[in-house]
């Protein structure tokens, strides 16, 4: 997904639409083409939210299993 996003950003900067948003993954979220910048942004927001949720879910499972205990430090 990140590779697709990186390529899509490159094409968007060059205004080369439509942009293919095929990731090659079995799970697909959103449209497979972006005909304009707004459609690309919508696809990215959706897919980054999905990734964020998957990471959060994995962290919760690891915490419950006692395999993830991050130490947060104040950077001030």
PDB file of N, CA and C in Angstrom:
ATOM      1  N   UNK A   1       0.821  -1.183   0.000  1.00  0.00           N
ATOM      2  CA  UNK A   1       0.000   0.000   0.000  1.00  0.00           C
ATOM      3  C   UNK A   1       0.871   1.256   0.000  1.00  0.00           C
ATOM      4  N   UNK A   2       1.934   1.226   0.788  1.00  0.00           N
ATOM      5  CA  UNK A   2       2.809   2.400   0.846  1.00  0.00           C
ATOM      6  C   UNK A   2       3.525   2.644  -0.480  1.00  0.00           C
ATOM      7  N   UNK A   3       3.878   1.584  -1.148  1.00  0.00           N
ATOM      8  CA  UNK A   3       4.511   1.723  -2.462  1.00  0.00           C
ATOM      9  C   UNK A   3       3.537   2.348  -3.466  1.00  0.00           C
ATOM     10  N   UNK A   4       2.292   1.897  -3.422  1.00  0.00           N
ATOM     11  CA  UNK A   4       1.262   2.467  -4.303  1.00  0.00           C
ATOM     12  C   UNK A   4       1.054   3.940  -3.979  1.00  0.00           C
ATOM     13  N   UNK A   5       1.004   4.276  -2.697  1.00  0.00           N
ATOM     14  CA  UNK A   5       0.816   5.670  -2.284  1.00  0.00           C
ATOM     15  C   UNK A   5       1.975   6.539  -2.769  1.00  0.00           C
ATOM     16  N   UNK A   6       3.194   6.032  -2.630  1.00  0.00           N
ATOM     17  CA  UNK A   6       4.364   6.790  -3.068  1.00  0.00           C
ATOM     18  C   UNK A   6       4.314   7.059  -4.575  1.00  0.00           C
ATOM     19  N   UNK A   7       3.994   6.030  -5.347  1.00  0.00           N
ATOM     20  CA  UNK A   7       3.888   6.204  -6.798  1.00  0.00           C
ATOM     21  C   UNK A   7       2.764   7.169  -7.163  1.00  0.00           C
ATOM     22  N   UNK A   8       1.647   7.048  -6.467  1.00  0.00           N
ATOM     23  CA  UNK A   8       0.499   7.911  -6.743  1.00  0.00           C
ATOM     24  C   UNK A   8       0.831   9.373  -6.476  1.00  0.00           C
ATOM     25  N   UNK A   9       1.555   9.627  -5.420  1.00  0.00           N
ATOM     26  CA  UNK A   9       1.954  11.012  -5.108  1.00  0.00           C
ATOM     27  C   UNK A   9       2.838  11.559  -6.226  1.00  0.00           C
ATOM     28  N   UNK A  10       3.752  10.734  -6.713  1.00  0.00           N
ATOM     29  CA  UNK A  10       4.627  11.159  -7.806  1.00  0.00           C
ATOM     30  C   UNK A  10       3.802  11.535  -9.034  1.00  0.00           C
ATOM     31  N   UNK A  11       2.853  10.659  -9.407  1.00  0.00           N
ATOM     32  CA  UNK A  11       2.019  10.937 -10.573  1.00  0.00           C
ATOM     33  C   UNK A  11       1.133  12.160 -10.351  1.00  0.00           C
ATOM     34  N   UNK A  12       0.641  12.327  -9.139  1.00  0.00           N
ATOM     35  CA  UNK A  12      -0.209  13.489  -8.843  1.00  0.00           C
ATOM     36  C   UNK A  12       0.587  14.791  -8.974  1.00  0.00           C
ATOM     37  N   UNK A  13       1.820  14.782  -8.512  1.00  0.00           N
ATOM     38  CA  UNK A  13       2.656  15.984  -8.639  1.00  0.00           C
ATOM     39  C   UNK A  13       2.885  16.339 -10.102  1.00  0.00           C
ATOM     40  N   UNK A  14       2.934  15.312 -10.947  1.00  0.00           N
ATOM     41  CA  UNK A  14       3.136  15.520 -12.384  1.00  0.00           C
ATOM     42  C   UNK A  14       1.807  15.680 -13.131  1.00  0.00           C
ATOM     43  N   UNK A  15       0.702  15.635 -12.358  1.00  0.00           N
ATOM     44  CA  UNK A  15      -0.655  15.761 -12.912  1.00  0.00           C
ATOM     45  C   UNK A  15      -0.929  14.706 -13.990  1.00  0.00           C
ATOM     46  N   UNK A  16      -0.496  13.479 -13.725  1.00  0.00           N
ATOM     47  CA  UNK A  16      -0.706  12.365 -14.658  1.00  0.00           C
ATOM     48  C   UNK A  16      -1.879  11.520 -14.172  1.00  0.00           C
ATOM     49  N   UNK A  17      -3.063  11.941 -14.536  1.00  0.00           N
ATOM     50  CA  UNK A  17      -4.291  11.227 -14.164  1.00  0.00           C
ATOM     51  C   UNK A  17      -4.862  10.527 -15.386  1.00  0.00           C
ATOM     52  N   UNK A  18      -5.598   9.456 -15.221  1.00  0.00           N
ATOM     53  CA  UNK A  18      -5.950   8.784 -13.969  1.00  0.00           C
ATOM     54  C   UNK A  18      -4.752   8.021 -13.407  1.00  0.00           C
ATOM     55  N   UNK A  19      -4.793   7.821 -12.093  1.00  0.00           N
ATOM     56  CA  UNK A  19      -3.722   7.126 -11.384  1.00  0.00           C
ATOM     57  C   UNK A  19      -4.253   5.776 -10.912  1.00  0.00           C
ATOM     58  N   UNK A  20      -3.533   4.714 -11.236  1.00  0.00           N
ATOM     59  CA  UNK A  20      -3.899   3.385 -10.777  1.00  0.00           C
ATOM     60  C   UNK A  20      -3.578   3.248  -9.296  1.00  0.00           C
ATOM     61  N   UNK A  21      -4.527   2.731  -8.544  1.00  0.00           N
ATOM     62  CA  UNK A  21      -4.351   2.544  -7.105  1.00  0.00           C
ATOM     63  C   UNK A  21      -4.367   1.069  -6.722  1.00  0.00           C
ATOM     64  N   UNK A  22      -3.999   0.225  -7.670  1.00  0.00           N
ATOM     65  CA  UNK A  22      -3.918  -1.211  -7.387  1.00  0.00           C
ATOM     66  C   UNK A  22      -2.705  -1.469  -6.508  1.00  0.00           C
ATOM     67  N   UNK A  23      -2.922  -2.166  -5.405  1.00  0.00           N
ATOM     68  CA  UNK A  23      -1.833  -2.447  -4.470  1.00  0.00           C
ATOM     69  C   UNK A  23      -1.260  -3.842  -4.627  1.00  0.00           C
ATOM     70  N   UNK A  24      -1.996  -4.731  -5.295  1.00  0.00           N
ATOM     71  CA  UNK A  24      -1.563  -6.110  -5.397  1.00  0.00           C
ATOM     72  C   UNK A  24      -1.923  -6.931  -4.165  1.00  0.00           C
ATOM     73  N   UNK A  25      -2.602  -6.316  -3.212  1.00  0.00           N
ATOM     74  CA  UNK A  25      -3.017  -7.005  -1.988  1.00  0.00           C
ATOM     75  C   UNK A  25      -4.404  -7.614  -2.166  1.00  0.00           C
ATOM     76  N   UNK A  26      -4.705  -8.622  -1.382  1.00  0.00           N
ATOM     77  CA  UNK A  26      -6.039  -9.221  -1.459  1.00  0.00           C
ATOM     78  C   UNK A  26      -7.090  -8.323  -0.825  1.00  0.00           C
ATOM     79  N   UNK A  27      -6.718  -7.607   0.224  1.00  0.00           N
ATOM     80  CA  UNK A  27      -7.642  -6.648   0.842  1.00  0.00           C
ATOM     81  C   UNK A  27      -7.569  -5.343   0.067  1.00  0.00           C
ATOM     82  N   UNK A  28      -8.722  -4.840  -0.327  1.00  0.00           N
ATOM     83  CA  UNK A  28      -8.764  -3.590  -1.092  1.00  0.00           C
ATOM     84  C   UNK A  28      -9.741  -2.626  -0.428  1.00  0.00           C
ATOM     85  N   UNK A  29      -9.337  -1.390  -0.335  1.00  0.00           N
ATOM     86  CA  UNK A  29     -10.166  -0.348   0.266  1.00  0.00           C
ATOM     87  C   UNK A  29     -10.197   0.849  -0.679  1.00  0.00           C
ATOM     88  N   UNK A  30     -11.380   1.264  -1.063  1.00  0.00           N
ATOM     89  CA  UNK A  30     -11.523   2.407  -1.942  1.00  0.00           C
ATOM     90  C   UNK A  30     -11.461   2.029  -3.409  1.00  0.00           C
ATOM     91  N   UNK A  31     -11.487   3.040  -4.232  1.00  0.00           N
ATOM     92  CA  UNK A  31     -11.489   2.866  -5.687  1.00  0.00           C
ATOM     93  C   UNK A  31     -10.120   2.410  -6.189  1.00  0.00           C
ATOM     94  N   UNK A  32     -10.109   1.855  -7.381  1.00  0.00           N
ATOM     95  CA  UNK A  32      -8.851   1.385  -7.969  1.00  0.00           C
ATOM     96  C   UNK A  32      -8.206   2.422  -8.881  1.00  0.00           C
ATOM     97  N   UNK A  33      -8.911   3.526  -9.113  1.00  0.00           N
ATOM     98  CA  UNK A  33      -8.376   4.627  -9.930  1.00  0.00           C
ATOM     99  C   UNK A  33      -8.708   5.953  -9.276  1.00  0.00           C
ATOM    100  N   UNK A  34      -7.796   6.895  -9.422  1.00  0.00           N
ATOM    101  CA  UNK A  34      -8.058   8.273  -9.004  1.00  0.00           C
ATOM    102  C   UNK A  34      -8.018   9.137 -10.252  1.00  0.00           C
ATOM    103  N   UNK A  35      -9.149   9.779 -10.551  1.00  0.00           N
ATOM    104  CA  UNK A  35      -9.225  10.653 -11.723  1.00  0.00           C
ATOM    105  C   UNK A  35      -8.804  12.086 -11.412  1.00  0.00           C
ATOM    106  N   UNK A  36      -8.646  12.397 -10.114  1.00  0.00           N
ATOM    107  CA  UNK A  36      -8.245  13.744  -9.717  1.00  0.00           C
ATOM    108  C   UNK A  36      -7.630  13.699  -8.319  1.00  0.00           C
ATOM    109  N   UNK A  37      -7.127  14.838  -7.880  1.00  0.00           N
ATOM    110  CA  UNK A  37      -6.425  14.922  -6.604  1.00  0.00           C
ATOM    111  C   UNK A  37      -7.337  14.575  -5.434  1.00  0.00           C
ATOM    112  N   UNK A  38      -8.570  15.023  -5.444  1.00  0.00           N
ATOM    113  CA  UNK A  38      -9.485  14.746  -4.328  1.00  0.00           C
ATOM    114  C   UNK A  38      -9.744  13.246  -4.183  1.00  0.00           C
ATOM    115  N   UNK A  39      -9.908  12.550  -5.287  1.00  0.00           N
ATOM    116  CA  UNK A  39     -10.101  11.101  -5.221  1.00  0.00           C
ATOM    117  C   UNK A  39      -8.861  10.413  -4.662  1.00  0.00           C
ATOM    118  N   UNK A  40      -7.688  10.896  -5.025  1.00  0.00           N
ATOM    119  CA  UNK A  40      -6.449  10.335  -4.494  1.00  0.00           C
ATOM    120  C   UNK A  40      -6.359  10.563  -2.987  1.00  0.00           C
ATOM    121  N   UNK A  41      -6.676  11.760  -2.540  1.00  0.00           N
ATOM    122  CA  UNK A  41      -6.640  12.069  -1.105  1.00  0.00           C
ATOM    123  C   UNK A  41      -7.631  11.195  -0.350  1.00  0.00           C
ATOM    124  N   UNK A  42      -8.822  11.005  -0.906  1.00  0.00           N
ATOM    125  CA  UNK A  42      -9.817  10.149  -0.250  1.00  0.00           C
ATOM    126  C   UNK A  42      -9.293   8.719  -0.111  1.00  0.00           C
ATOM    127  N   UNK A  43      -8.667   8.200  -1.172  1.00  0.00           N
ATOM    128  CA  UNK A  43      -8.109   6.850  -1.129  1.00  0.00           C
ATOM    129  C   UNK A  43      -7.012   6.753  -0.069  1.00  0.00           C
ATOM    130  N   UNK A  44      -6.130   7.757  -0.034  1.00  0.00           N
ATOM    131  CA  UNK A  44      -5.035   7.736   0.944  1.00  0.00           C
ATOM    132  C   UNK A  44      -5.569   7.814   2.369  1.00  0.00           C
ATOM    133  N   UNK A  45      -6.509   8.701   2.621  1.00  0.00           N
ATOM    134  CA  UNK A  45      -7.078   8.801   3.964  1.00  0.00           C
ATOM    135  C   UNK A  45      -7.684   7.482   4.398  1.00  0.00           C
ATOM    136  N   UNK A  46      -8.467   6.871   3.539  1.00  0.00           N
ATOM    137  CA  UNK A  46      -9.096   5.592   3.852  1.00  0.00           C
ATOM    138  C   UNK A  46      -8.050   4.523   4.151  1.00  0.00           C
ATOM    139  N   UNK A  47      -7.072   4.388   3.289  1.00  0.00           N
ATOM    140  CA  UNK A  47      -6.081   3.331   3.451  1.00  0.00           C
ATOM    141  C   UNK A  47      -5.151   3.568   4.637  1.00  0.00           C
ATOM    142  N   UNK A  48      -4.767   4.808   4.905  1.00  0.00           N
ATOM    143  CA  UNK A  48      -3.943   5.080   6.079  1.00  0.00           C
ATOM    144  C   UNK A  48      -4.727   4.846   7.367  1.00  0.00           C
ATOM    145  N   UNK A  49      -6.030   5.121   7.358  1.00  0.00           N
ATOM    146  CA  UNK A  49      -6.857   4.814   8.523  1.00  0.00           C
ATOM    147  C   UNK A  49      -6.933   3.314   8.752  1.00  0.00           C
ATOM    148  N   UNK A  50      -7.039   2.527   7.687  1.00  0.00           N
ATOM    149  CA  UNK A  50      -7.068   1.068   7.808  1.00  0.00           C
ATOM    150  C   UNK A  50      -5.745   0.573   8.401  1.00  0.00           C
ATOM    151  N   UNK A  51      -4.630   1.072   7.899  1.00  0.00           N
ATOM    152  CA  UNK A  51      -3.316   0.670   8.418  1.00  0.00           C
ATOM    153  C   UNK A  51      -3.196   1.042   9.891  1.00  0.00           C
ATOM    154  N   UNK A  52      -3.617   2.257  10.239  1.00  0.00           N
ATOM    155  CA  UNK A  52      -3.536   2.715  11.623  1.00  0.00           C
ATOM    156  C   UNK A  52      -4.340   1.801  12.541  1.00  0.00           C
ATOM    157  N   UNK A  53      -5.534   1.405  12.124  1.00  0.00           N
ATOM    158  CA  UNK A  53      -6.368   0.514  12.932  1.00  0.00           C
ATOM    159  C   UNK A  53      -5.720  -0.858  13.079  1.00  0.00           C
ATOM    160  N   UNK A  54      -5.139  -1.374  12.009  1.00  0.00           N
ATOM    161  CA  UNK A  54      -4.475  -2.683  12.086  1.00  0.00           C
ATOM    162  C   UNK A  54      -3.293  -2.637  13.055  1.00  0.00           C
ATOM    163  N   UNK A  55      -2.534  -1.560  13.036  1.00  0.00           N
ATOM    164  CA  UNK A  55      -1.404  -1.409  13.957  1.00  0.00           C
ATOM    165  C   UNK A  55      -1.912  -1.330  15.397  1.00  0.00           C
ATOM    166  N   UNK A  56      -2.935  -0.529  15.632  1.00  0.00           N
ATOM    167  CA  UNK A  56      -3.507  -0.399  16.973  1.00  0.00           C
ATOM    168  C   UNK A  56      -4.023  -1.742  17.482  1.00  0.00           C
ATOM    169  N   UNK A  57      -4.748  -2.483  16.638  1.00  0.00           N
ATOM    170  CA  UNK A  57      -5.259  -3.802  17.019  1.00  0.00           C
ATOM    171  C   UNK A  57      -4.117  -4.758  17.361  1.00  0.00           C
ATOM    172  N   UNK A  58      -3.056  -4.738  16.570  1.00  0.00           N
ATOM    173  CA  UNK A  58      -1.900  -5.608  16.824  1.00  0.00           C
ATOM    174  C   UNK A  58      -1.229  -5.237  18.147  1.00  0.00           C
ATOM    175  N   UNK A  59      -1.090  -3.937  18.417  1.00  0.00           N
ATOM    176  CA  UNK A  59      -0.486  -3.497  19.676  1.00  0.00           C
ATOM    177  C   UNK A  59      -1.324  -3.944  20.874  1.00  0.00           C
ATOM    178  N   UNK A  60      -2.644  -3.842  20.759  1.00  0.00           N
ATOM    179  CA  UNK A  60      -3.522  -4.284  21.853  1.00  0.00           C
ATOM    180  C   UNK A  60      -3.374  -5.780  22.110  1.00  0.00           C
ATOM    181  N   UNK A  61      -3.328  -6.580  21.041  1.00  0.00           N
ATOM    182  CA  UNK A  61      -3.163  -8.029  21.197  1.00  0.00           C
ATOM    183  C   UNK A  61      -1.824  -8.353  21.843  1.00  0.00           C
ATOM    184  N   UNK A  62      -0.770  -7.650  21.415  1.00  0.00           N
ATOM    185  CA  UNK A  62       0.547  -7.896  21.997  1.00  0.00           C
ATOM    186  C   UNK A  62       0.591  -7.474  23.462  1.00  0.00           C
ATOM    187  N   UNK A  63      -0.086  -6.372  23.814  1.00  0.00           N
ATOM    188  CA  UNK A  63      -0.130  -5.946  25.206  1.00  0.00           C
ATOM    189  C   UNK A  63      -0.840  -6.985  26.064  1.00  0.00           C
ATOM    190  N   UNK A  64      -1.974  -7.502  25.583  1.00  0.00           N
ATOM    191  CA  UNK A  64      -2.715  -8.529  26.329  1.00  0.00           C
ATOM    192  C   UNK A  64      -1.878  -9.784  26.524  1.00  0.00           C
ATOM    193  N   UNK A  65      -1.045 -10.101  25.544  1.00  0.00           N
ATOM    194  CA  UNK A  65      -0.191 -11.293  25.628  1.00  0.00           C
ATOM    195  C   UNK A  65       1.101 -11.017  26.400  1.00  0.00           C
ATOM    196  N   UNK A  66       1.301  -9.773  26.830  1.00  0.00           N
ATOM    197  CA  UNK A  66       2.502  -9.420  27.585  1.00  0.00           C
ATOM    198  C   UNK A  66       3.751  -9.289  26.739  1.00  0.00           C
ATOM    199  N   UNK A  67       3.594  -9.104  25.439  1.00  0.00           N
ATOM    200  CA  UNK A  67       4.747  -8.997  24.538  1.00  0.00           C
ATOM    201  C   UNK A  67       5.004  -7.581  24.045  1.00  0.00           C
ATOM    202  N   UNK A  68       4.243  -6.627  24.553  1.00  0.00           N
ATOM    203  CA  UNK A  68       4.412  -5.239  24.093  1.00  0.00           C
ATOM    204  C   UNK A  68       4.154  -4.321  25.265  1.00  0.00           C
ATOM    205  N   UNK A  69       5.223  -3.744  25.782  1.00  0.00           N
ATOM    206  CA  UNK A  69       5.120  -2.854  26.925  1.00  0.00           C
ATOM    207  C   UNK A  69       5.964  -1.610  26.665  1.00  0.00           C
ATOM    208  N   UNK A  70       5.449  -0.712  25.845  1.00  0.00           N
ATOM    209  CA  UNK A  70       6.253   0.464  25.504  1.00  0.00           C
ATOM    210  C   UNK A  70       6.468   1.369  26.714  1.00  0.00           C
ATOM    211  N   UNK A  71       7.625   1.988  26.718  1.00  0.00           N
ATOM    212  CA  UNK A  71       7.944   2.969  27.756  1.00  0.00           C
ATOM    213  C   UNK A  71       7.913   4.335  27.093  1.00  0.00           C
ATOM    214  N   UNK A  72       6.996   5.159  27.546  1.00  0.00           N
ATOM    215  CA  UNK A  72       6.853   6.496  26.982  1.00  0.00           C
ATOM    216  C   UNK A  72       7.615   7.486  27.839  1.00  0.00           C
ATOM    217  N   UNK A  73       8.385   8.307  27.180  1.00  0.00           N
ATOM    218  CA  UNK A  73       9.171   9.323  27.893  1.00  0.00           C
ATOM    219  C   UNK A  73       8.778  10.693  27.370  1.00  0.00           C
ATOM    220  N   UNK A  74       8.728  11.622  28.241  1.00  0.00           N
ATOM    221  CA  UNK A  74       8.447  12.995  27.883  1.00  0.00           C
ATOM    222  C   UNK A  74       9.709  13.575  27.253  1.00  0.00           C
ATOM    223  N   UNK A  75       9.589  14.155  26.085  1.00  0.00           N
ATOM    224  CA  UNK A  75      10.767  14.682  25.380  1.00  0.00           C
ATOM    225  C   UNK A  75      11.162  16.075  25.854  1.00  0.00           C
ATOM    226  N   UNK A  76      10.422  16.633  26.799  1.00  0.00           N
ATOM    227  CA  UNK A  76      10.761  17.979  27.298  1.00  0.00           C
ATOM    228  C   UNK A  76      11.953  17.976  28.186  1.00  0.00           C
TER     229      UNK A  76
END
